[in-house]
């Protein structure tokens, strides 16, 4: 399971050369929907594979995981929203990321868009976790700078939100902190486009560890408030999350300020500096949309795990602060 860009970069040919019998599906789409996964599953039913390999960014791996659900239990992906709803035995899954951001290779959740509304759905089951994750920094060299920036910032947000969410445990926080220690020294070079292969390897490792942290805990309000921006305005996920993250961290300071300080003194100011370094364009939203965005953010699953609870009015204030409206 991959996309045309990964084929063009030559990564698929490298993988195919190492395998005896392989069938390639290269039509994975960004932000895959239920219909996208259903179409891929139909292809897989004809092939009758022994193993599913997801090669690419988060979309390829989420699509591959979605196929595991549909091949084993049928139905639509919305039937599996939540945790532990898979039916039957799942095929083995191998995850090979070509971006350093989502950490999907170390998570049992397929994050997909509901048909029609484009609401983000998290469909998870322990059996959907990859049996093997292959981290090869050579595969991240082909990323365009814009993609490298957005995925790196996404990985950083995963480390930060999982470190403070109220579902965190000692185990998950070790993953979060180690992910941050891998990412923090190299992310500025990643954002500048001057990273060495060793630095890209650290970034890739950090993204995977942040994925482990999410798997062992959860995220928070930055992701909850980012998803409606993506659904309504097509804002790329990493940009949406980083638009909201500093405002969410300010909100959380009251209850987890000591965790932020332990990670890095002046953490919020540093995050804002990274946004500038990444040349992220401000997200433009009509002020009239704020109540709707807040209503949807308040219903997002990830927001339930934020260390300081929020209701719709709190999300409205967050949006106004982050979007300057």
C-alpha atoms as a PDB file:
ATOM      1  CA  UNK A   1       0.000   0.000   0.000  1.00  0.00           C
ATOM      2  CA  UNK A   2       1.638   3.210  -1.158  1.00  0.00           C
ATOM      3  CA  UNK A   3       1.096   6.291  -3.309  1.00  0.00           C
ATOM      4  CA  UNK A   4       2.312   7.511  -6.674  1.00  0.00           C
ATOM      5  CA  UNK A   5       4.821   9.921  -5.148  1.00  0.00           C
ATOM      6  CA  UNK A   6       6.584   7.096  -3.303  1.00  0.00           C
ATOM      7  CA  UNK A   7       6.710   5.123  -6.553  1.00  0.00           C
ATOM      8  CA  UNK A   8       8.237   8.130  -8.333  1.00  0.00           C
ATOM      9  CA  UNK A   9      10.855   8.491  -5.578  1.00  0.00           C
ATOM     10  CA  UNK A  10      12.047   4.936  -6.267  1.00  0.00           C
ATOM     11  CA  UNK A  11      11.230   3.544  -2.835  1.00  0.00           C
ATOM     12  CA  UNK A  12       8.669   1.033  -4.092  1.00  0.00           C
ATOM     13  CA  UNK A  13      11.110  -0.471  -6.590  1.00  0.00           C
ATOM     14  CA  UNK A  14      13.653  -0.909  -3.787  1.00  0.00           C
ATOM     15  CA  UNK A  15      11.094  -2.745  -1.635  1.00  0.00           C
ATOM     16  CA  UNK A  16       9.754  -4.885  -4.478  1.00  0.00           C
ATOM     17  CA  UNK A  17      13.287  -6.041  -5.324  1.00  0.00           C
ATOM     18  CA  UNK A  18      13.585  -7.542  -1.824  1.00  0.00           C
ATOM     19  CA  UNK A  19      10.349  -9.548  -2.031  1.00  0.00           C
ATOM     20  CA  UNK A  20       9.502 -12.766  -3.829  1.00  0.00           C
ATOM     21  CA  UNK A  21       5.817 -12.231  -4.621  1.00  0.00           C
ATOM     22  CA  UNK A  22       4.332  -8.762  -4.292  1.00  0.00           C
ATOM     23  CA  UNK A  23       1.384  -6.797  -5.643  1.00  0.00           C
ATOM     24  CA  UNK A  24       1.547  -3.005  -5.462  1.00  0.00           C
ATOM     25  CA  UNK A  25      -1.431  -0.729  -4.860  1.00  0.00           C
ATOM     26  CA  UNK A  26      -0.159   2.827  -5.442  1.00  0.00           C
ATOM     27  CA  UNK A  27      -3.392   4.822  -5.303  1.00  0.00           C
ATOM     28  CA  UNK A  28      -3.434   5.762  -1.616  1.00  0.00           C
ATOM     29  CA  UNK A  29      -4.798   9.301  -1.154  1.00  0.00           C
ATOM     30  CA  UNK A  30      -3.876  11.936   1.400  1.00  0.00           C
ATOM     31  CA  UNK A  31      -6.286  12.077   4.349  1.00  0.00           C
ATOM     32  CA  UNK A  32      -7.982   8.832   3.253  1.00  0.00           C
ATOM     33  CA  UNK A  33     -11.734   8.497   3.643  1.00  0.00           C
ATOM     34  CA  UNK A  34     -13.896   5.469   4.370  1.00  0.00           C
ATOM     35  CA  UNK A  35     -14.567   5.168   0.633  1.00  0.00           C
ATOM     36  CA  UNK A  36     -10.831   5.254  -0.126  1.00  0.00           C
ATOM     37  CA  UNK A  37     -10.163   2.399   2.270  1.00  0.00           C
ATOM     38  CA  UNK A  38     -13.135   0.412   0.956  1.00  0.00           C
ATOM     39  CA  UNK A  39     -11.777   0.736  -2.581  1.00  0.00           C
ATOM     40  CA  UNK A  40      -8.347  -0.471  -1.461  1.00  0.00           C
ATOM     41  CA  UNK A  41      -9.900  -3.353   0.465  1.00  0.00           C
ATOM     42  CA  UNK A  42     -11.740  -4.505  -2.662  1.00  0.00           C
ATOM     43  CA  UNK A  43      -8.411  -4.587  -4.474  1.00  0.00           C
ATOM     44  CA  UNK A  44      -6.885  -6.603  -1.619  1.00  0.00           C
ATOM     45  CA  UNK A  45      -9.758  -9.118  -1.599  1.00  0.00           C
ATOM     46  CA  UNK A  46      -8.942  -9.985  -5.195  1.00  0.00           C
ATOM     47  CA  UNK A  47      -5.224 -10.328  -4.449  1.00  0.00           C
ATOM     48  CA  UNK A  48      -5.755 -12.383  -1.242  1.00  0.00           C
ATOM     49  CA  UNK A  49      -2.474 -11.293   0.364  1.00  0.00           C
ATOM     50  CA  UNK A  50      -0.597 -13.047   3.174  1.00  0.00           C
ATOM     51  CA  UNK A  51       0.879  -9.803   4.515  1.00  0.00           C
ATOM     52  CA  UNK A  52       0.034  -6.114   4.196  1.00  0.00           C
ATOM     53  CA  UNK A  53       2.906  -3.615   3.869  1.00  0.00           C
ATOM     54  CA  UNK A  54       2.331   0.102   4.289  1.00  0.00           C
ATOM     55  CA  UNK A  55       5.120   2.091   2.601  1.00  0.00           C
ATOM     56  CA  UNK A  56       4.818   5.867   2.751  1.00  0.00           C
ATOM     57  CA  UNK A  57       3.519   8.549   5.064  1.00  0.00           C
ATOM     58  CA  UNK A  58       0.742   8.325   7.608  1.00  0.00           C
ATOM     59  CA  UNK A  59      -1.919   8.055   4.910  1.00  0.00           C
ATOM     60  CA  UNK A  60      -0.390   4.878   3.476  1.00  0.00           C
ATOM     61  CA  UNK A  61      -0.072   3.283   6.901  1.00  0.00           C
ATOM     62  CA  UNK A  62      -3.559   4.351   7.998  1.00  0.00           C
ATOM     63  CA  UNK A  63      -5.007   2.951   4.764  1.00  0.00           C
ATOM     64  CA  UNK A  64      -3.117  -0.307   5.268  1.00  0.00           C
ATOM     65  CA  UNK A  65      -4.432  -0.599   8.826  1.00  0.00           C
ATOM     66  CA  UNK A  66      -7.942   0.188   7.628  1.00  0.00           C
ATOM     67  CA  UNK A  67      -7.705  -2.708   5.197  1.00  0.00           C
ATOM     68  CA  UNK A  68      -6.900  -5.044   8.092  1.00  0.00           C
ATOM     69  CA  UNK A  69     -10.235  -4.160   9.682  1.00  0.00           C
ATOM     70  CA  UNK A  70     -12.266  -4.536   6.502  1.00  0.00           C
ATOM     71  CA  UNK A  71     -10.638  -7.795   5.359  1.00  0.00           C
ATOM     72  CA  UNK A  72     -11.176  -9.415   8.753  1.00  0.00           C
ATOM     73  CA  UNK A  73     -14.631  -8.069   9.597  1.00  0.00           C
ATOM     74  CA  UNK A  74     -16.241  -6.422   6.572  1.00  0.00           C
ATOM     75  CA  UNK A  75     -18.571  -3.442   6.890  1.00  0.00           C
ATOM     76  CA  UNK A  76     -17.413   0.180   6.788  1.00  0.00           C
ATOM     77  CA  UNK A  77     -14.641   1.882   8.736  1.00  0.00           C
ATOM     78  CA  UNK A  78     -17.183   3.847  10.779  1.00  0.00           C
ATOM     79  CA  UNK A  79     -18.227   0.510  12.311  1.00  0.00           C
ATOM     80  CA  UNK A  80     -14.825   0.359  13.963  1.00  0.00           C
ATOM     81  CA  UNK A  81     -14.558   3.893  15.324  1.00  0.00           C
ATOM     82  CA  UNK A  82     -13.211   3.691  18.840  1.00  0.00           C
ATOM     83  CA  UNK A  83     -11.159   0.904  20.361  1.00  0.00           C
ATOM     84  CA  UNK A  84     -11.195  -2.871  20.194  1.00  0.00           C
ATOM     85  CA  UNK A  85     -14.067  -3.349  17.736  1.00  0.00           C
ATOM     86  CA  UNK A  86     -12.193  -5.487  15.187  1.00  0.00           C
ATOM     87  CA  UNK A  87     -13.718  -8.795  14.142  1.00  0.00           C
ATOM     88  CA  UNK A  88     -11.798 -11.938  13.218  1.00  0.00           C
ATOM     89  CA  UNK A  89      -8.117 -12.515  12.666  1.00  0.00           C
ATOM     90  CA  UNK A  90      -6.063  -9.761  11.058  1.00  0.00           C
ATOM     91  CA  UNK A  91      -3.258 -10.205   8.556  1.00  0.00           C
ATOM     92  CA  UNK A  92       0.299  -9.379   9.646  1.00  0.00           C
ATOM     93  CA  UNK A  93       1.213  -5.757   8.948  1.00  0.00           C
ATOM     94  CA  UNK A  94       4.661  -4.274   8.194  1.00  0.00           C
ATOM     95  CA  UNK A  95       5.028  -0.485   8.415  1.00  0.00           C
ATOM     96  CA  UNK A  96       7.752   1.422   6.564  1.00  0.00           C
ATOM     97  CA  UNK A  97       7.486   5.202   7.027  1.00  0.00           C
ATOM     98  CA  UNK A  98       8.928   7.564   4.443  1.00  0.00           C
ATOM     99  CA  UNK A  99       8.110  10.626   6.542  1.00  0.00           C
ATOM    100  CA  UNK A 100       9.203  11.411  10.090  1.00  0.00           C
ATOM    101  CA  UNK A 101       6.051  12.646  11.723  1.00  0.00           C
ATOM    102  CA  UNK A 102       2.883  10.633  12.248  1.00  0.00           C
ATOM    103  CA  UNK A 103       4.369   7.756  14.244  1.00  0.00           C
ATOM    104  CA  UNK A 104       1.615   5.630  12.694  1.00  0.00           C
ATOM    105  CA  UNK A 105       4.106   2.779  12.369  1.00  0.00           C
ATOM    106  CA  UNK A 106       3.986   2.382  16.159  1.00  0.00           C
ATOM    107  CA  UNK A 107       0.230   2.821  16.674  1.00  0.00           C
ATOM    108  CA  UNK A 108      -2.702   0.438  16.406  1.00  0.00           C
ATOM    109  CA  UNK A 109      -5.096   3.184  15.281  1.00  0.00           C
ATOM    110  CA  UNK A 110      -6.089   3.957  11.704  1.00  0.00           C
ATOM    111  CA  UNK A 111      -7.004   7.660  11.552  1.00  0.00           C
ATOM    112  CA  UNK A 112      -9.416   8.140   8.668  1.00  0.00           C
ATOM    113  CA  UNK A 113     -12.032  10.627   7.463  1.00  0.00           C
ATOM    114  CA  UNK A 114     -15.728   9.847   7.660  1.00  0.00           C
ATOM    115  CA  UNK A 115     -17.403  10.013   4.258  1.00  0.00           C
ATOM    116  CA  UNK A 116     -19.353  13.223   3.763  1.00  0.00           C
ATOM    117  CA  UNK A 117     -18.406  15.210   6.884  1.00  0.00           C
ATOM    118  CA  UNK A 118     -14.650  14.474   6.701  1.00  0.00           C
ATOM    119  CA  UNK A 119     -14.684  14.090  10.483  1.00  0.00           C
ATOM    120  CA  UNK A 120     -11.485  12.412  11.678  1.00  0.00           C
ATOM    121  CA  UNK A 121     -12.189   8.911  13.006  1.00  0.00           C
ATOM    122  CA  UNK A 122      -9.748   6.898  15.109  1.00  0.00           C
ATOM    123  CA  UNK A 123     -10.299   3.169  14.606  1.00  0.00           C
ATOM    124  CA  UNK A 124      -8.039   1.134  16.856  1.00  0.00           C
ATOM    125  CA  UNK A 125      -7.411  -2.429  17.897  1.00  0.00           C
ATOM    126  CA  UNK A 126      -4.238  -3.991  19.364  1.00  0.00           C
ATOM    127  CA  UNK A 127      -4.177  -6.513  16.519  1.00  0.00           C
ATOM    128  CA  UNK A 128      -3.776  -3.692  13.982  1.00  0.00           C
ATOM    129  CA  UNK A 129      -0.366  -2.788  15.400  1.00  0.00           C
ATOM    130  CA  UNK A 130       2.488  -3.449  12.962  1.00  0.00           C
ATOM    131  CA  UNK A 131       4.416  -6.652  13.583  1.00  0.00           C
ATOM    132  CA  UNK A 132       7.515  -4.886  12.248  1.00  0.00           C
ATOM    133  CA  UNK A 133       8.339  -1.202  11.770  1.00  0.00           C
ATOM    134  CA  UNK A 134      11.339  -0.435   9.552  1.00  0.00           C
ATOM    135  CA  UNK A 135      12.947   2.976  10.150  1.00  0.00           C
ATOM    136  CA  UNK A 136      15.299   3.912   7.305  1.00  0.00           C
ATOM    137  CA  UNK A 137      16.420   7.566   7.212  1.00  0.00           C
ATOM    138  CA  UNK A 138      17.403   7.201   3.549  1.00  0.00           C
ATOM    139  CA  UNK A 139      13.687   6.985   2.772  1.00  0.00           C
ATOM    140  CA  UNK A 140      13.033  10.430   4.278  1.00  0.00           C
ATOM    141  CA  UNK A 141      15.580  12.167   2.020  1.00  0.00           C
ATOM    142  CA  UNK A 142      13.080  12.429  -0.830  1.00  0.00           C
ATOM    143  CA  UNK A 143      10.577  14.451   1.211  1.00  0.00           C
ATOM    144  CA  UNK A 144       9.969  17.973  -0.103  1.00  0.00           C
ATOM    145  CA  UNK A 145      11.054  20.553   2.464  1.00  0.00           C
ATOM    146  CA  UNK A 146       7.451  21.598   3.153  1.00  0.00           C
ATOM    147  CA  UNK A 147       6.477  18.003   3.955  1.00  0.00           C
ATOM    148  CA  UNK A 148       9.590  17.498   6.102  1.00  0.00           C
ATOM    149  CA  UNK A 149       8.696  20.611   8.082  1.00  0.00           C
ATOM    150  CA  UNK A 150       5.065  19.713   8.657  1.00  0.00           C
ATOM    151  CA  UNK A 151       5.751  16.112   9.615  1.00  0.00           C
ATOM    152  CA  UNK A 152       8.560  17.090  12.002  1.00  0.00           C
ATOM    153  CA  UNK A 153       6.288  19.582  13.743  1.00  0.00           C
ATOM    154  CA  UNK A 154       3.565  16.946  13.921  1.00  0.00           C
ATOM    155  CA  UNK A 155       5.967  14.517  15.617  1.00  0.00           C
ATOM    156  CA  UNK A 156       6.956  17.215  18.102  1.00  0.00           C
ATOM    157  CA  UNK A 157       3.295  17.895  18.894  1.00  0.00           C
ATOM    158  CA  UNK A 158       2.779  14.181  19.559  1.00  0.00           C
ATOM    159  CA  UNK A 159       5.621  14.115  22.061  1.00  0.00           C
ATOM    160  CA  UNK A 160       4.327  17.235  23.814  1.00  0.00           C
ATOM    161  CA  UNK A 161       0.631  16.325  23.959  1.00  0.00           C
ATOM    162  CA  UNK A 162       1.212  12.723  25.035  1.00  0.00           C
ATOM    163  CA  UNK A 163       3.590  13.940  27.762  1.00  0.00           C
ATOM    164  CA  UNK A 164       0.841  15.868  29.553  1.00  0.00           C
ATOM    165  CA  UNK A 165      -2.473  14.171  28.646  1.00  0.00           C
ATOM    166  CA  UNK A 166      -4.323  12.886  31.695  1.00  0.00           C
ATOM    167  CA  UNK A 167      -4.105   9.300  30.422  1.00  0.00           C
ATOM    168  CA  UNK A 168      -0.308   9.452  30.652  1.00  0.00           C
ATOM    169  CA  UNK A 169       1.504   6.784  32.636  1.00  0.00           C
ATOM    170  CA  UNK A 170       5.109   6.405  33.743  1.00  0.00           C
ATOM    171  CA  UNK A 171       5.688   4.169  30.704  1.00  0.00           C
ATOM    172  CA  UNK A 172       4.066   6.500  28.194  1.00  0.00           C
ATOM    173  CA  UNK A 173       5.837   9.522  29.625  1.00  0.00           C
ATOM    174  CA  UNK A 174       9.191   7.791  29.208  1.00  0.00           C
ATOM    175  CA  UNK A 175       8.349   7.398  25.518  1.00  0.00           C
ATOM    176  CA  UNK A 176       7.237  11.060  25.316  1.00  0.00           C
ATOM    177  CA  UNK A 177      10.365  12.404  26.974  1.00  0.00           C
ATOM    178  CA  UNK A 178      12.704  10.187  24.957  1.00  0.00           C
ATOM    179  CA  UNK A 179      10.918  11.231  21.762  1.00  0.00           C
ATOM    180  CA  UNK A 180      11.432  14.877  22.717  1.00  0.00           C
ATOM    181  CA  UNK A 181      15.134  14.237  23.477  1.00  0.00           C
ATOM    182  CA  UNK A 182      15.547  12.767  19.996  1.00  0.00           C
ATOM    183  CA  UNK A 183      13.610  15.535  18.234  1.00  0.00           C
ATOM    184  CA  UNK A 184      14.680  18.676  20.093  1.00  0.00           C
ATOM    185  CA  UNK A 185      18.382  18.749  19.064  1.00  0.00           C
ATOM    186  CA  UNK A 186      17.711  18.145  15.348  1.00  0.00           C
ATOM    187  CA  UNK A 187      14.378  19.759  14.499  1.00  0.00           C
ATOM    188  CA  UNK A 188      15.808  23.177  13.666  1.00  0.00           C
ATOM    189  CA  UNK A 189      18.099  21.626  11.040  1.00  0.00           C
ATOM    190  CA  UNK A 190      15.136  19.639   9.697  1.00  0.00           C
ATOM    191  CA  UNK A 191      13.101  22.853   9.372  1.00  0.00           C
ATOM    192  CA  UNK A 192      16.009  24.632   7.644  1.00  0.00           C
ATOM    193  CA  UNK A 193      16.445  21.767   5.195  1.00  0.00           C
ATOM    194  CA  UNK A 194      20.072  21.239   6.249  1.00  0.00           C
ATOM    195  CA  UNK A 195      19.756  18.012   8.265  1.00  0.00           C
ATOM    196  CA  UNK A 196      22.314  15.222   7.827  1.00  0.00           C
ATOM    197  CA  UNK A 197      21.283  11.598   7.391  1.00  0.00           C
ATOM    198  CA  UNK A 198      22.147  11.025  11.070  1.00  0.00           C
ATOM    199  CA  UNK A 199      19.891  13.909  12.112  1.00  0.00           C
ATOM    200  CA  UNK A 200      17.093  12.621   9.907  1.00  0.00           C
ATOM    201  CA  UNK A 201      17.551   9.249  11.584  1.00  0.00           C
ATOM    202  CA  UNK A 202      17.129  10.839  15.007  1.00  0.00           C
ATOM    203  CA  UNK A 203      14.004  12.612  13.797  1.00  0.00           C
ATOM    204  CA  UNK A 204      12.580   9.361  12.420  1.00  0.00           C
ATOM    205  CA  UNK A 205      13.362   7.550  15.673  1.00  0.00           C
ATOM    206  CA  UNK A 206      11.807  10.373  17.695  1.00  0.00           C
ATOM    207  CA  UNK A 207       8.629  10.290  15.600  1.00  0.00           C
ATOM    208  CA  UNK A 208       8.317   6.532  16.166  1.00  0.00           C
ATOM    209  CA  UNK A 209       8.840   6.911  19.922  1.00  0.00           C
ATOM    210  CA  UNK A 210       6.185   9.637  19.976  1.00  0.00           C
ATOM    211  CA  UNK A 211       3.899   7.146  18.225  1.00  0.00           C
ATOM    212  CA  UNK A 212       4.654   4.656  21.006  1.00  0.00           C
ATOM    213  CA  UNK A 213       3.756   7.359  23.535  1.00  0.00           C
ATOM    214  CA  UNK A 214       0.388   7.945  21.853  1.00  0.00           C
ATOM    215  CA  UNK A 215      -0.264   4.214  21.752  1.00  0.00           C
ATOM    216  CA  UNK A 216       0.382   4.005  25.505  1.00  0.00           C
ATOM    217  CA  UNK A 217      -1.560   7.183  26.367  1.00  0.00           C
ATOM    218  CA  UNK A 218      -3.328   9.706  24.082  1.00  0.00           C
ATOM    219  CA  UNK A 219      -3.188  13.281  22.740  1.00  0.00           C
ATOM    220  CA  UNK A 220      -5.069  16.446  23.698  1.00  0.00           C
ATOM    221  CA  UNK A 221      -6.799  19.670  22.749  1.00  0.00           C
ATOM    222  CA  UNK A 222      -4.311  20.779  20.075  1.00  0.00           C
ATOM    223  CA  UNK A 223      -5.311  17.788  17.959  1.00  0.00           C
ATOM    224  CA  UNK A 224      -8.979  18.135  18.898  1.00  0.00           C
ATOM    225  CA  UNK A 225      -9.032  21.757  17.719  1.00  0.00           C
ATOM    226  CA  UNK A 226      -6.873  21.064  14.647  1.00  0.00           C
ATOM    227  CA  UNK A 227      -9.169  18.436  13.138  1.00  0.00           C
ATOM    228  CA  UNK A 228     -12.095  20.824  12.410  1.00  0.00           C
ATOM    229  CA  UNK A 229      -9.657  23.177  10.650  1.00  0.00           C
ATOM    230  CA  UNK A 230      -8.664  20.315   8.371  1.00  0.00           C
ATOM    231  CA  UNK A 231     -12.246  19.164   7.835  1.00  0.00           C
ATOM    232  CA  UNK A 232     -13.642  22.603   6.938  1.00  0.00           C
ATOM    233  CA  UNK A 233     -10.720  24.389   5.315  1.00  0.00           C
ATOM    234  CA  UNK A 234      -8.372  21.630   4.130  1.00  0.00           C
ATOM    235  CA  UNK A 235      -5.580  22.857   6.404  1.00  0.00           C
ATOM    236  CA  UNK A 236      -2.803  20.252   6.377  1.00  0.00           C
ATOM    237  CA  UNK A 237      -2.739  18.390   9.673  1.00  0.00           C
ATOM    238  CA  UNK A 238       0.726  19.452  10.857  1.00  0.00           C
ATOM    239  CA  UNK A 239       0.011  23.096  10.103  1.00  0.00           C
ATOM    240  CA  UNK A 240      -3.366  22.911  11.858  1.00  0.00           C
ATOM    241  CA  UNK A 241      -1.911  21.329  14.992  1.00  0.00           C
ATOM    242  CA  UNK A 242       0.957  23.791  15.235  1.00  0.00           C
ATOM    243  CA  UNK A 243      -1.460  26.684  14.725  1.00  0.00           C
ATOM    244  CA  UNK A 244      -3.317  25.599  17.854  1.00  0.00           C
ATOM    245  CA  UNK A 245      -0.534  24.113  20.017  1.00  0.00           C
ATOM    246  CA  UNK A 246       0.906  27.249  21.702  1.00  0.00           C
ATOM    247  CA  UNK A 247      -2.563  28.472  22.713  1.00  0.00           C
ATOM    248  CA  UNK A 248      -3.426  25.026  24.093  1.00  0.00           C
ATOM    249  CA  UNK A 249      -0.146  24.893  26.015  1.00  0.00           C
ATOM    250  CA  UNK A 250      -0.886  28.298  27.549  1.00  0.00           C
ATOM    251  CA  UNK A 251      -4.276  26.925  28.624  1.00  0.00           C
ATOM    252  CA  UNK A 252      -2.617  23.846  30.118  1.00  0.00           C
ATOM    253  CA  UNK A 253       0.131  25.740  31.980  1.00  0.00           C
ATOM    254  CA  UNK A 254      -2.043  25.972  35.083  1.00  0.00           C
ATOM    255  CA  UNK A 255      -1.977  22.201  35.610  1.00  0.00           C
ATOM    256  CA  UNK A 256       1.108  20.861  33.781  1.00  0.00           C
ATOM    257  CA  UNK A 257       3.500  23.815  33.674  1.00  0.00           C
ATOM    258  CA  UNK A 258       6.121  21.829  35.578  1.00  0.00           C
ATOM    259  CA  UNK A 259       6.121  19.115  32.889  1.00  0.00           C
ATOM    260  CA  UNK A 260       6.701  21.692  30.150  1.00  0.00           C
ATOM    261  CA  UNK A 261       9.503  23.250  32.210  1.00  0.00           C
ATOM    262  CA  UNK A 262      11.094  19.835  32.715  1.00  0.00           C
ATOM    263  CA  UNK A 263      11.082  19.213  28.964  1.00  0.00           C
ATOM    264  CA  UNK A 264      12.608  22.584  28.076  1.00  0.00           C
ATOM    265  CA  UNK A 265      12.645  25.994  29.803  1.00  0.00           C
ATOM    266  CA  UNK A 266      10.797  28.546  27.673  1.00  0.00           C
ATOM    267  CA  UNK A 267       9.092  25.761  25.761  1.00  0.00           C
ATOM    268  CA  UNK A 268       6.141  27.744  24.372  1.00  0.00           C
ATOM    269  CA  UNK A 269       8.362  30.553  23.066  1.00  0.00           C
ATOM    270  CA  UNK A 270      10.572  27.921  21.425  1.00  0.00           C
ATOM    271  CA  UNK A 271       7.539  26.324  19.745  1.00  0.00           C
ATOM    272  CA  UNK A 272       6.522  29.716  18.360  1.00  0.00           C
ATOM    273  CA  UNK A 273      10.076  30.237  17.070  1.00  0.00           C
ATOM    274  CA  UNK A 274       9.910  26.873  15.292  1.00  0.00           C
ATOM    275  CA  UNK A 275       6.654  27.873  13.608  1.00  0.00           C
ATOM    276  CA  UNK A 276       8.371  30.984  12.258  1.00  0.00           C
ATOM    277  CA  UNK A 277      11.393  28.942  11.150  1.00  0.00           C
ATOM    278  CA  UNK A 278       9.068  26.578   9.278  1.00  0.00           C
ATOM    279  CA  UNK A 279       7.479  29.558   7.517  1.00  0.00           C
ATOM    280  CA  UNK A 280       3.977  28.360   8.329  1.00  0.00           C
ATOM    281  CA  UNK A 281       1.342  30.607   6.829  1.00  0.00           C
ATOM    282  CA  UNK A 282      -1.327  31.845   9.264  1.00  0.00           C
ATOM    283  CA  UNK A 283      -4.641  30.020   9.010  1.00  0.00           C
ATOM    284  CA  UNK A 284      -7.360  32.426   7.864  1.00  0.00           C
ATOM    285  CA  UNK A 285     -10.825  31.772   9.307  1.00  0.00           C
ATOM    286  CA  UNK A 286     -13.980  33.894   9.283  1.00  0.00           C
ATOM    287  CA  UNK A 287     -14.858  34.774  12.886  1.00  0.00           C
ATOM    288  CA  UNK A 288     -18.412  33.563  12.225  1.00  0.00           C
ATOM    289  CA  UNK A 289     -17.061  30.002  11.944  1.00  0.00           C
ATOM    290  CA  UNK A 290     -15.573  29.965  15.444  1.00  0.00           C
ATOM    291  CA  UNK A 291     -18.695  28.661  17.264  1.00  0.00           C
ATOM    292  CA  UNK A 292     -19.056  25.768  14.808  1.00  0.00           C
ATOM    293  CA  UNK A 293     -15.371  24.891  15.009  1.00  0.00           C
ATOM    294  CA  UNK A 294     -15.543  24.980  18.812  1.00  0.00           C
ATOM    295  CA  UNK A 295     -18.634  22.795  18.871  1.00  0.00           C
ATOM    296  CA  UNK A 296     -16.908  20.182  16.737  1.00  0.00           C
ATOM    297  CA  UNK A 297     -13.632  20.406  18.667  1.00  0.00           C
ATOM    298  CA  UNK A 298     -15.474  19.788  21.928  1.00  0.00           C
ATOM    299  CA  UNK A 299     -16.768  16.488  20.482  1.00  0.00           C
ATOM    300  CA  UNK A 300     -13.352  15.251  19.345  1.00  0.00           C
ATOM    301  CA  UNK A 301     -12.167  12.125  21.130  1.00  0.00           C
ATOM    302  CA  UNK A 302      -8.613  13.376  21.725  1.00  0.00           C
ATOM    303  CA  UNK A 303      -9.857  16.469  23.555  1.00  0.00           C
ATOM    304  CA  UNK A 304     -11.237  14.275  26.335  1.00  0.00           C
ATOM    305  CA  UNK A 305      -7.671  13.506  27.388  1.00  0.00           C
ATOM    306  CA  UNK A 306      -6.420  17.090  27.666  1.00  0.00           C
ATOM    307  CA  UNK A 307      -4.912  17.675  31.139  1.00  0.00           C
ATOM    308  CA  UNK A 308      -7.120  20.726  31.732  1.00  0.00           C
ATOM    309  CA  UNK A 309     -10.720  20.071  30.618  1.00  0.00           C
ATOM    310  CA  UNK A 310     -12.388  22.264  28.006  1.00  0.00           C
ATOM    311  CA  UNK A 311     -15.989  22.916  27.000  1.00  0.00           C
ATOM    312  CA  UNK A 312     -17.230  24.640  23.863  1.00  0.00           C
ATOM    313  CA  UNK A 313     -16.690  28.152  25.227  1.00  0.00           C
ATOM    314  CA  UNK A 314     -13.097  27.324  26.128  1.00  0.00           C
ATOM    315  CA  UNK A 315     -12.457  26.082  22.604  1.00  0.00           C
ATOM    316  CA  UNK A 316     -13.924  29.306  21.235  1.00  0.00           C
ATOM    317  CA  UNK A 317     -11.402  31.268  23.302  1.00  0.00           C
ATOM    318  CA  UNK A 318      -8.590  29.004  22.096  1.00  0.00           C
ATOM    319  CA  UNK A 319      -9.509  29.532  18.453  1.00  0.00           C
ATOM    320  CA  UNK A 320      -9.736  33.304  18.874  1.00  0.00           C
ATOM    321  CA  UNK A 321      -6.322  33.358  20.571  1.00  0.00           C
ATOM    322  CA  UNK A 322      -4.613  31.071  18.063  1.00  0.00           C
ATOM    323  CA  UNK A 323      -6.236  32.490  14.922  1.00  0.00           C
ATOM    324  CA  UNK A 324      -6.141  36.132  16.045  1.00  0.00           C
ATOM    325  CA  UNK A 325      -9.864  36.678  15.304  1.00  0.00           C
END
